[in-house]
């Protein structure tokens, strides 16, 4: 499997895990927030949007670090193969 394919597959799995964990947390947050406060749905939606911002940042950081780690590992293995051939 090529390096790009590894990166794509790993990012897809991580993205799926992040989206599922975000949706679960958002559901629990909205249920707790709407039952605890007698606020309108507009304020609940704004709070849900603000709740999503750290998740989005964490998702981007995880995707970028995953790409960097995989590319670094492939480079390390290619270097080791080259050194061991000679």
PDB file of N, CA and C in Angstrom:
ATOM      1  N   UNK A   1       0.848  -1.175   0.000  1.00  0.00           N
ATOM      2  CA  UNK A   1       0.000   0.000   0.000  1.00  0.00           C
ATOM      3  C   UNK A   1       0.898   1.244   0.000  1.00  0.00           C
ATOM      4  N   UNK A   2       0.537   2.238  -0.773  1.00  0.00           N
ATOM      5  CA  UNK A   2       1.366   3.432  -0.878  1.00  0.00           C
ATOM      6  C   UNK A   2       1.185   4.327   0.340  1.00  0.00           C
ATOM      7  N   UNK A   3       2.106   5.261   0.462  1.00  0.00           N
ATOM      8  CA  UNK A   3       2.068   6.187   1.594  1.00  0.00           C
ATOM      9  C   UNK A   3       0.790   7.015   1.585  1.00  0.00           C
ATOM     10  N   UNK A   4       0.390   7.496   0.413  1.00  0.00           N
ATOM     11  CA  UNK A   4      -0.817   8.318   0.324  1.00  0.00           C
ATOM     12  C   UNK A   4      -2.056   7.529   0.732  1.00  0.00           C
ATOM     13  N   UNK A   5      -2.083   6.249   0.361  1.00  0.00           N
ATOM     14  CA  UNK A   5      -3.224   5.405   0.719  1.00  0.00           C
ATOM     15  C   UNK A   5      -3.285   5.194   2.231  1.00  0.00           C
ATOM     16  N   UNK A   6      -2.112   4.977   2.851  1.00  0.00           N
ATOM     17  CA  UNK A   6      -2.070   4.833   4.305  1.00  0.00           C
ATOM     18  C   UNK A   6      -2.577   6.092   4.988  1.00  0.00           C
ATOM     19  N   UNK A   7      -2.134   7.249   4.490  1.00  0.00           N
ATOM     20  CA  UNK A   7      -2.560   8.521   5.078  1.00  0.00           C
ATOM     21  C   UNK A   7      -4.065   8.685   4.930  1.00  0.00           C
ATOM     22  N   UNK A   8      -4.595   8.414   3.746  1.00  0.00           N
ATOM     23  CA  UNK A   8      -6.031   8.567   3.510  1.00  0.00           C
ATOM     24  C   UNK A   8      -6.850   7.628   4.387  1.00  0.00           C
ATOM     25  N   UNK A   9      -6.439   6.364   4.473  1.00  0.00           N
ATOM     26  CA  UNK A   9      -7.189   5.401   5.281  1.00  0.00           C
ATOM     27  C   UNK A   9      -7.159   5.759   6.764  1.00  0.00           C
ATOM     28  N   UNK A  10      -5.996   6.143   7.254  1.00  0.00           N
ATOM     29  CA  UNK A  10      -5.887   6.502   8.665  1.00  0.00           C
ATOM     30  C   UNK A  10      -6.687   7.756   8.973  1.00  0.00           C
ATOM     31  N   UNK A  11      -6.623   8.738   8.084  1.00  0.00           N
ATOM     32  CA  UNK A  11      -7.393   9.953   8.299  1.00  0.00           C
ATOM     33  C   UNK A  11      -8.889   9.682   8.243  1.00  0.00           C
ATOM     34  N   UNK A  12      -9.318   8.780   7.378  1.00  0.00           N
ATOM     35  CA  UNK A  12     -10.742   8.448   7.304  1.00  0.00           C
ATOM     36  C   UNK A  12     -11.220   7.780   8.589  1.00  0.00           C
ATOM     37  N   UNK A  13     -10.424   6.865   9.121  1.00  0.00           N
ATOM     38  CA  UNK A  13     -10.804   6.193  10.373  1.00  0.00           C
ATOM     39  C   UNK A  13     -10.822   7.189  11.527  1.00  0.00           C
ATOM     40  N   UNK A  14      -9.809   8.051  11.601  1.00  0.00           N
ATOM     41  CA  UNK A  14      -9.774   9.052  12.661  1.00  0.00           C
ATOM     42  C   UNK A  14     -10.921  10.042  12.540  1.00  0.00           C
ATOM     43  N   UNK A  15     -11.239  10.434  11.321  1.00  0.00           N
ATOM     44  CA  UNK A  15     -12.348  11.359  11.119  1.00  0.00           C
ATOM     45  C   UNK A  15     -13.665  10.732  11.550  1.00  0.00           C
ATOM     46  N   UNK A  16     -13.876   9.480  11.208  1.00  0.00           N
ATOM     47  CA  UNK A  16     -15.092   8.788  11.629  1.00  0.00           C
ATOM     48  C   UNK A  16     -15.172   8.700  13.148  1.00  0.00           C
ATOM     49  N   UNK A  17     -14.073   8.361  13.799  1.00  0.00           N
ATOM     50  CA  UNK A  17     -14.063   8.276  15.262  1.00  0.00           C
ATOM     51  C   UNK A  17     -14.316   9.637  15.896  1.00  0.00           C
ATOM     52  N   UNK A  18     -13.711  10.686  15.346  1.00  0.00           N
ATOM     53  CA  UNK A  18     -13.926  12.026  15.886  1.00  0.00           C
ATOM     54  C   UNK A  18     -15.361  12.487  15.704  1.00  0.00           C
ATOM     55  N   UNK A  19     -15.937  12.226  14.539  1.00  0.00           N
ATOM     56  CA  UNK A  19     -17.320  12.643  14.287  1.00  0.00           C
ATOM     57  C   UNK A  19     -18.277  11.902  15.210  1.00  0.00           C
ATOM     58  N   UNK A  20     -18.081  10.599  15.373  1.00  0.00           N
ATOM     59  CA  UNK A  20     -18.962   9.831  16.255  1.00  0.00           C
ATOM     60  C   UNK A  20     -18.827  10.275  17.709  1.00  0.00           C
ATOM     61  N   UNK A  21     -17.617  10.513  18.165  1.00  0.00           N
ATOM     62  CA  UNK A  21     -17.451  10.967  19.545  1.00  0.00           C
ATOM     63  C   UNK A  21     -17.994  12.380  19.727  1.00  0.00           C
ATOM     64  N   UNK A  22     -17.837  13.225  18.709  1.00  0.00           N
ATOM     65  CA  UNK A  22     -18.407  14.569  18.785  1.00  0.00           C
ATOM     66  C   UNK A  22     -19.928  14.515  18.845  1.00  0.00           C
ATOM     67  N   UNK A  23     -20.545  13.689  17.999  1.00  0.00           N
ATOM     68  CA  UNK A  23     -22.004  13.605  18.004  1.00  0.00           C
ATOM     69  C   UNK A  23     -22.526  13.067  19.329  1.00  0.00           C
ATOM     70  N   UNK A  24     -21.840  12.089  19.895  1.00  0.00           N
ATOM     71  CA  UNK A  24     -22.249  11.582  21.207  1.00  0.00           C
ATOM     72  C   UNK A  24     -22.132  12.641  22.288  1.00  0.00           C
ATOM     73  N   UNK A  25     -21.034  13.367  22.295  1.00  0.00           N
ATOM     74  CA  UNK A  25     -20.852  14.432  23.284  1.00  0.00           C
ATOM     75  C   UNK A  25     -21.849  15.560  23.073  1.00  0.00           C
ATOM     76  N   UNK A  26     -22.104  15.896  21.820  1.00  0.00           N
ATOM     77  CA  UNK A  26     -23.066  16.956  21.528  1.00  0.00           C
ATOM     78  C   UNK A  26     -24.464  16.564  21.979  1.00  0.00           C
ATOM     79  N   UNK A  27     -24.839  15.316  21.763  1.00  0.00           N
ATOM     80  CA  UNK A  27     -26.155  14.849  22.203  1.00  0.00           C
ATOM     81  C   UNK A  27     -26.290  14.972  23.721  1.00  0.00           C
ATOM     82  N   UNK A  28     -25.289  14.475  24.452  1.00  0.00           N
ATOM     83  CA  UNK A  28     -25.349  14.560  25.913  1.00  0.00           C
ATOM     84  C   UNK A  28     -25.324  16.008  26.385  1.00  0.00           C
ATOM     85  N   UNK A  29     -24.546  16.844  25.714  1.00  0.00           N
ATOM     86  CA  UNK A  29     -24.488  18.258  26.063  1.00  0.00           C
ATOM     87  C   UNK A  29     -25.839  18.928  25.851  1.00  0.00           C
ATOM     88  N   UNK A  30     -26.464  18.672  24.700  1.00  0.00           N
ATOM     89  CA  UNK A  30     -27.749  19.307  24.411  1.00  0.00           C
ATOM     90  C   UNK A  30     -28.845  18.820  25.348  1.00  0.00           C
ATOM     91  N   UNK A  31     -28.854  17.538  25.657  1.00  0.00           N
ATOM     92  CA  UNK A  31     -29.863  17.014  26.584  1.00  0.00           C
ATOM     93  C   UNK A  31     -29.678  17.642  27.957  1.00  0.00           C
ATOM     94  N   UNK A  32     -28.457  17.666  28.448  1.00  0.00           N
ATOM     95  CA  UNK A  32     -28.200  18.256  29.761  1.00  0.00           C
ATOM     96  C   UNK A  32     -28.510  19.745  29.763  1.00  0.00           C
ATOM     97  N   UNK A  33     -28.072  20.449  28.717  1.00  0.00           N
ATOM     98  CA  UNK A  33     -28.233  21.897  28.670  1.00  0.00           C
ATOM     99  C   UNK A  33     -29.697  22.293  28.541  1.00  0.00           C
ATOM    100  N   UNK A  34     -30.445  21.569  27.725  1.00  0.00           N
ATOM    101  CA  UNK A  34     -31.853  21.934  27.533  1.00  0.00           C
ATOM    102  C   UNK A  34     -32.704  21.552  28.740  1.00  0.00           C
ATOM    103  N   UNK A  35     -32.329  20.513  29.483  1.00  0.00           N
ATOM    104  CA  UNK A  35     -33.087  20.146  30.676  1.00  0.00           C
ATOM    105  C   UNK A  35     -32.711  21.013  31.871  1.00  0.00           C
ATOM    106  N   UNK A  36     -31.482  21.461  31.932  1.00  0.00           N
ATOM    107  CA  UNK A  36     -31.027  22.249  33.074  1.00  0.00           C
ATOM    108  C   UNK A  36     -31.485  23.700  32.993  1.00  0.00           C
ATOM    109  N   UNK A  37     -31.608  24.215  31.817  1.00  0.00           N
ATOM    110  CA  UNK A  37     -31.964  25.625  31.633  1.00  0.00           C
ATOM    111  C   UNK A  37     -33.246  25.725  30.823  1.00  0.00           C
ATOM    112  N   UNK A  38     -34.076  26.633  31.218  1.00  0.00           N
ATOM    113  CA  UNK A  38     -35.293  26.858  30.437  1.00  0.00           C
ATOM    114  C   UNK A  38     -35.018  27.986  29.438  1.00  0.00           C
ATOM    115  N   UNK A  39     -34.158  27.693  28.474  1.00  0.00           N
ATOM    116  CA  UNK A  39     -33.770  28.680  27.476  1.00  0.00           C
ATOM    117  C   UNK A  39     -34.379  28.324  26.126  1.00  0.00           C
ATOM    118  N   UNK A  40     -34.341  29.275  25.232  1.00  0.00           N
ATOM    119  CA  UNK A  40     -34.888  29.038  23.899  1.00  0.00           C
ATOM    120  C   UNK A  40     -33.932  28.161  23.095  1.00  0.00           C
ATOM    121  N   UNK A  41     -34.440  27.637  21.979  1.00  0.00           N
ATOM    122  CA  UNK A  41     -33.618  26.777  21.132  1.00  0.00           C
ATOM    123  C   UNK A  41     -32.508  27.567  20.446  1.00  0.00           C
ATOM    124  N   UNK A  42     -32.691  28.879  20.292  1.00  0.00           N
ATOM    125  CA  UNK A  42     -31.640  29.691  19.678  1.00  0.00           C
ATOM    126  C   UNK A  42     -30.399  29.694  20.567  1.00  0.00           C
ATOM    127  N   UNK A  43     -30.597  29.911  21.858  1.00  0.00           N
ATOM    128  CA  UNK A  43     -29.444  29.924  22.763  1.00  0.00           C
ATOM    129  C   UNK A  43     -28.819  28.537  22.882  1.00  0.00           C
ATOM    130  N   UNK A  44     -29.646  27.488  22.803  1.00  0.00           N
ATOM    131  CA  UNK A  44     -29.110  26.128  22.838  1.00  0.00           C
ATOM    132  C   UNK A  44     -28.268  25.868  21.587  1.00  0.00           C
ATOM    133  N   UNK A  45     -28.726  26.327  20.419  1.00  0.00           N
ATOM    134  CA  UNK A  45     -27.973  26.131  19.169  1.00  0.00           C
ATOM    135  C   UNK A  45     -26.667  26.926  19.174  1.00  0.00           C
ATOM    136  N   UNK A  46     -26.708  28.143  19.702  1.00  0.00           N
ATOM    137  CA  UNK A  46     -25.476  28.932  19.796  1.00  0.00           C
ATOM    138  C   UNK A  46     -24.486  28.248  20.732  1.00  0.00           C
ATOM    139  N   UNK A  47     -24.980  27.731  21.838  1.00  0.00           N
ATOM    140  CA  UNK A  47     -24.101  27.011  22.766  1.00  0.00           C
ATOM    141  C   UNK A  47     -23.539  25.751  22.120  1.00  0.00           C
ATOM    142  N   UNK A  48     -24.350  25.070  21.330  1.00  0.00           N
ATOM    143  CA  UNK A  48     -23.872  23.868  20.634  1.00  0.00           C
ATOM    144  C   UNK A  48     -22.792  24.230  19.619  1.00  0.00           C
ATOM    145  N   UNK A  49     -22.961  25.369  18.940  1.00  0.00           N
ATOM    146  CA  UNK A  49     -21.940  25.814  17.991  1.00  0.00           C
ATOM    147  C   UNK A  49     -20.631  26.123  18.719  1.00  0.00           C
ATOM    148  N   UNK A  50     -20.725  26.820  19.842  1.00  0.00           N
ATOM    149  CA  UNK A  50     -19.523  27.125  20.612  1.00  0.00           C
ATOM    150  C   UNK A  50     -18.890  25.859  21.181  1.00  0.00           C
ATOM    151  N   UNK A  51     -19.723  24.865  21.475  1.00  0.00           N
ATOM    152  CA  UNK A  51     -19.226  23.574  21.949  1.00  0.00           C
ATOM    153  C   UNK A  51     -18.436  22.871  20.847  1.00  0.00           C
ATOM    154  N   UNK A  52     -18.798  23.123  19.588  1.00  0.00           N
ATOM    155  CA  UNK A  52     -18.156  22.443  18.457  1.00  0.00           C
ATOM    156  C   UNK A  52     -16.780  23.012  18.124  1.00  0.00           C
ATOM    157  N   UNK A  53     -16.505  24.235  18.505  1.00  0.00           N
ATOM    158  CA  UNK A  53     -15.236  24.860  18.119  1.00  0.00           C
ATOM    159  C   UNK A  53     -14.000  24.107  18.627  1.00  0.00           C
ATOM    160  N   UNK A  54     -13.924  23.737  19.901  1.00  0.00           N
ATOM    161  CA  UNK A  54     -12.735  22.975  20.328  1.00  0.00           C
ATOM    162  C   UNK A  54     -12.621  21.617  19.643  1.00  0.00           C
ATOM    163  N   UNK A  55     -13.767  20.973  19.366  1.00  0.00           N
ATOM    164  CA  UNK A  55     -13.743  19.681  18.677  1.00  0.00           C
ATOM    165  C   UNK A  55     -13.183  19.841  17.269  1.00  0.00           C
ATOM    166  N   UNK A  56     -13.547  20.924  16.603  1.00  0.00           N
ATOM    167  CA  UNK A  56     -13.053  21.174  15.251  1.00  0.00           C
ATOM    168  C   UNK A  56     -11.542  21.389  15.269  1.00  0.00           C
ATOM    169  N   UNK A  57     -11.088  22.190  16.210  1.00  0.00           N
ATOM    170  CA  UNK A  57      -9.651  22.431  16.327  1.00  0.00           C
ATOM    171  C   UNK A  57      -8.904  21.138  16.636  1.00  0.00           C
ATOM    172  N   UNK A  58      -9.430  20.355  17.555  1.00  0.00           N
ATOM    173  CA  UNK A  58      -8.791  19.074  17.893  1.00  0.00           C
ATOM    174  C   UNK A  58      -8.774  18.142  16.685  1.00  0.00           C
ATOM    175  N   UNK A  59      -9.854  18.131  15.913  1.00  0.00           N
ATOM    176  CA  UNK A  59      -9.913  17.290  14.720  1.00  0.00           C
ATOM    177  C   UNK A  59      -8.862  17.663  13.698  1.00  0.00           C
ATOM    178  N   UNK A  60      -8.704  18.962  13.445  1.00  0.00           N
ATOM    179  CA  UNK A  60      -7.683  19.405  12.498  1.00  0.00           C
ATOM    180  C   UNK A  60      -6.281  19.052  12.991  1.00  0.00           C
ATOM    181  N   UNK A  61      -6.039  19.230  14.280  1.00  0.00           N
ATOM    182  CA  UNK A  61      -4.723  18.902  14.827  1.00  0.00           C
ATOM    183  C   UNK A  61      -4.430  17.408  14.740  1.00  0.00           C
ATOM    184  N   UNK A  62      -5.431  16.578  15.015  1.00  0.00           N
ATOM    185  CA  UNK A  62      -5.237  15.126  14.933  1.00  0.00           C
ATOM    186  C   UNK A  62      -4.976  14.707  13.490  1.00  0.00           C
ATOM    187  N   UNK A  63      -5.733  15.264  12.545  1.00  0.00           N
ATOM    188  CA  UNK A  63      -5.535  14.909  11.137  1.00  0.00           C
ATOM    189  C   UNK A  63      -4.142  15.310  10.654  1.00  0.00           C
ATOM    190  N   UNK A  64      -3.713  16.506  11.019  1.00  0.00           N
ATOM    191  CA  UNK A  64      -2.397  16.971  10.586  1.00  0.00           C
ATOM    192  C   UNK A  64      -1.284  16.137  11.220  1.00  0.00           C
ATOM    193  N   UNK A  65      -1.410  15.868  12.522  1.00  0.00           N
ATOM    194  CA  UNK A  65      -0.364  15.091  13.189  1.00  0.00           C
ATOM    195  C   UNK A  65      -0.319  13.659  12.667  1.00  0.00           C
ATOM    196  N   UNK A  66      -1.478  13.104  12.335  1.00  0.00           N
ATOM    197  CA  UNK A  66      -1.530  11.755  11.758  1.00  0.00           C
ATOM    198  C   UNK A  66      -0.782  11.732  10.432  1.00  0.00           C
ATOM    199  N   UNK A  67      -1.007  12.721   9.610  1.00  0.00           N
ATOM    200  CA  UNK A  67      -0.331  12.795   8.310  1.00  0.00           C
ATOM    201  C   UNK A  67       1.182  12.922   8.489  1.00  0.00           C
ATOM    202  N   UNK A  68       1.594  13.780   9.402  1.00  0.00           N
ATOM    203  CA  UNK A  68       3.024  13.990   9.641  1.00  0.00           C
ATOM    204  C   UNK A  68       3.678  12.719  10.176  1.00  0.00           C
ATOM    205  N   UNK A  69       3.015  12.035  11.093  1.00  0.00           N
ATOM    206  CA  UNK A  69       3.582  10.811  11.674  1.00  0.00           C
ATOM    207  C   UNK A  69       3.738   9.729  10.613  1.00  0.00           C
ATOM    208  N   UNK A  70       2.719   9.530   9.794  1.00  0.00           N
ATOM    209  CA  UNK A  70       2.788   8.481   8.775  1.00  0.00           C
ATOM    210  C   UNK A  70       3.858   8.794   7.737  1.00  0.00           C
ATOM    211  N   UNK A  71       3.911  10.042   7.289  1.00  0.00           N
ATOM    212  CA  UNK A  71       4.929  10.417   6.304  1.00  0.00           C
ATOM    213  C   UNK A  71       6.330  10.265   6.903  1.00  0.00           C
ATOM    214  N   UNK A  72       6.490  10.623   8.172  1.00  0.00           N
ATOM    215  CA  UNK A  72       7.795  10.471   8.826  1.00  0.00           C
ATOM    216  C   UNK A  72       8.186   9.007   8.950  1.00  0.00           C
ATOM    217  N   UNK A  73       7.231   8.154   9.304  1.00  0.00           N
ATOM    218  CA  UNK A  73       7.532   6.725   9.424  1.00  0.00           C
ATOM    219  C   UNK A  73       7.918   6.122   8.079  1.00  0.00           C
ATOM    220  N   UNK A  74       7.198   6.503   7.014  1.00  0.00           N
ATOM    221  CA  UNK A  74       7.556   5.994   5.691  1.00  0.00           C
ATOM    222  C   UNK A  74       8.946   6.476   5.283  1.00  0.00           C
ATOM    223  N   UNK A  75       9.275   7.726   5.601  1.00  0.00           N
ATOM    224  CA  UNK A  75      10.613   8.232   5.301  1.00  0.00           C
ATOM    225  C   UNK A  75      11.684   7.506   6.082  1.00  0.00           C
ATOM    226  N   UNK A  76      11.402   7.219   7.347  1.00  0.00           N
ATOM    227  CA  UNK A  76      12.353   6.482   8.176  1.00  0.00           C
ATOM    228  C   UNK A  76      12.564   5.073   7.648  1.00  0.00           C
ATOM    229  N   UNK A  77      11.488   4.388   7.284  1.00  0.00           N
ATOM    230  CA  UNK A  77      11.613   3.038   6.743  1.00  0.00           C
ATOM    231  C   UNK A  77      12.342   3.033   5.404  1.00  0.00           C
ATOM    232  N   UNK A  78      12.085   4.028   4.567  1.00  0.00           N
ATOM    233  CA  UNK A  78      12.787   4.103   3.283  1.00  0.00           C
ATOM    234  C   UNK A  78      14.277   4.332   3.503  1.00  0.00           C
ATOM    235  N   UNK A  79      14.614   5.174   4.466  1.00  0.00           N
ATOM    236  CA  UNK A  79      16.023   5.420   4.779  1.00  0.00           C
ATOM    237  C   UNK A  79      16.691   4.158   5.315  1.00  0.00           C
ATOM    238  N   UNK A  80      16.000   3.453   6.206  1.00  0.00           N
ATOM    239  CA  UNK A  80      16.559   2.211   6.748  1.00  0.00           C
ATOM    240  C   UNK A  80      16.752   1.162   5.658  1.00  0.00           C
ATOM    241  N   UNK A  81      15.805   1.060   4.742  1.00  0.00           N
ATOM    242  CA  UNK A  81      15.949   0.108   3.640  1.00  0.00           C
ATOM    243  C   UNK A  81      17.150   0.459   2.775  1.00  0.00           C
ATOM    244  N   UNK A  82      17.323   1.738   2.509  1.00  0.00           N
ATOM    245  CA  UNK A  82      18.458   2.172   1.694  1.00  0.00           C
ATOM    246  C   UNK A  82      19.781   1.875   2.403  1.00  0.00           C
ATOM    247  N   UNK A  83      19.824   2.144   3.708  1.00  0.00           N
ATOM    248  CA  UNK A  83      21.059   1.890   4.457  1.00  0.00           C
ATOM    249  C   UNK A  83      21.370   0.399   4.550  1.00  0.00           C
ATOM    250  N   UNK A  84      20.352  -0.422   4.698  1.00  0.00           N
ATOM    251  CA  UNK A  84      20.580  -1.856   4.854  1.00  0.00           C
ATOM    252  C   UNK A  84      20.907  -2.545   3.533  1.00  0.00           C
ATOM    253  N   UNK A  85      20.548  -1.932   2.407  1.00  0.00           N
ATOM    254  CA  UNK A  85      20.860  -2.526   1.102  1.00  0.00           C
ATOM    255  C   UNK A  85      22.350  -2.426   0.796  1.00  0.00           C
ATOM    256  N   UNK A  86      22.999  -1.388   1.291  1.00  0.00           N
ATOM    257  CA  UNK A  86      24.407  -1.148   0.933  1.00  0.00           C
ATOM    258  C   UNK A  86      25.342  -1.704   1.942  1.00  0.00           C
TER     259      UNK A  86
END
